[in-house]
Amino acid sequence: MIGTYLTLALVCACLIVWPQETQAVLTSVSLKIQLYILNYRMKFMAWRIHRSLRRDMIKHFGSDMPPFEWVDLWDRDR
């Protein structure tokens, strides 16, 4: 509980002493968190679509493998 108050006091002190720099740091942290959440969501959606394609391939063609291979979103080459 005291750690929370100390962190809040530190952030408030930084906002008073260095308002623009503190706001820039907090904004960049927020954007990085949003980017990680978006990446994990895209990774899960791609896996779910691949799983659905495999299920449809088995149902319609009797083959377990779709015509492409699953590659993790973060392991792809640029």
Protein backbone atom coordinates (compact mmCIF):
# COMPACT_ATOMS: atom_id res chain seq x y z
CA MET A 1 0.00 0.00 0.00
CA ILE A 2 2.82 2.39 0.84
CA GLY A 3 4.56 1.53 -2.42
CA THR A 4 1.50 2.68 -4.34
CA TYR A 5 1.46 6.01 -2.52
CA LEU A 6 5.20 6.48 -3.03
CA THR A 7 4.86 5.76 -6.75
CA LEU A 8 1.95 8.18 -7.04
CA ALA A 9 3.91 10.83 -5.11
CA LEU A 10 6.93 10.32 -7.38
CA VAL A 11 4.81 10.68 -10.52
CA CYS A 12 3.17 13.83 -9.14
CA ALA A 13 6.56 15.29 -8.21
CA CYS A 14 7.89 14.53 -11.67
CA LEU A 15 4.84 16.16 -13.24
CA ILE A 16 5.49 19.31 -11.20
CA VAL A 17 9.25 19.45 -11.86
CA TRP A 18 9.34 18.15 -15.46
CA PRO A 19 5.80 18.33 -16.89
CA GLN A 20 6.55 17.86 -20.59
CA GLU A 21 9.12 15.10 -20.18
CA THR A 22 6.90 13.19 -17.74
CA GLN A 23 3.93 13.46 -20.06
CA ALA A 24 6.07 12.20 -22.97
CA VAL A 25 7.27 9.21 -20.93
CA LEU A 26 3.75 8.32 -19.74
CA THR A 27 2.43 8.63 -23.30
CA SER A 28 5.17 6.39 -24.71
CA VAL A 29 4.56 3.77 -22.02
CA SER A 30 0.83 3.84 -22.76
CA LEU A 31 1.44 3.46 -26.50
CA LYS A 32 3.84 0.54 -25.96
CA ILE A 33 1.27 -1.25 -23.81
CA GLN A 34 -1.40 -0.70 -26.46
CA LEU A 35 0.94 -2.03 -29.15
CA TYR A 36 1.67 -5.23 -27.19
CA ILE A 37 -2.05 -5.79 -26.58
CA LEU A 38 -2.76 -5.28 -30.28
CA ASN A 39 0.04 -7.68 -31.27
CA TYR A 40 -1.19 -10.40 -28.92
CA ARG A 41 -4.75 -9.95 -30.18
CA MET A 42 -3.61 -10.21 -33.82
CA LYS A 43 -1.55 -13.29 -32.98
CA PHE A 44 -4.54 -14.97 -31.35
CA MET A 45 -6.88 -14.05 -34.24
CA ALA A 46 -4.41 -15.43 -36.82
CA TRP A 47 -4.09 -18.69 -34.87
CA ARG A 48 -7.87 -18.95 -34.58
CA ILE A 49 -8.33 -18.42 -38.35
CA HIS A 50 -5.66 -21.04 -39.10
CA ARG A 51 -7.41 -23.49 -36.78
CA SER A 52 -10.71 -22.81 -38.55
CA LEU A 53 -9.09 -23.37 -41.96
CA ARG A 54 -7.67 -26.70 -40.82
CA ARG A 55 -11.09 -27.76 -39.58
CA ASP A 56 -12.68 -26.78 -42.91
CA MET A 57 -9.97 -28.58 -44.91
CA ILE A 58 -10.65 -31.80 -42.99
CA LYS A 59 -14.40 -31.43 -43.42
CA HIS A 60 -14.43 -30.68 -47.16
CA PHE A 61 -11.26 -32.25 -48.58
CA GLY A 62 -10.25 -34.87 -46.02
CA SER A 63 -6.77 -33.33 -45.79
CA ASP A 64 -5.44 -32.08 -42.47
CA MET A 65 -2.98 -29.57 -43.89
CA PRO A 66 -4.01 -26.30 -45.55
CA PRO A 67 -1.94 -25.17 -48.54
CA PHE A 68 0.21 -22.99 -46.28
CA GLU A 69 2.06 -23.39 -43.01
CA TRP A 70 1.32 -21.65 -39.71
CA VAL A 71 3.95 -19.03 -38.92
CA ASP A 72 3.85 -17.11 -35.67
CA LEU A 73 3.19 -13.40 -36.20
CA TRP A 74 6.41 -12.32 -34.50
CA ASP A 75 8.58 -14.93 -36.26
CA ARG A 76 7.83 -13.72 -39.79
CA ASP A 77 10.55 -12.19 -41.92
CA ARG A 78 10.06 -8.55 -42.82
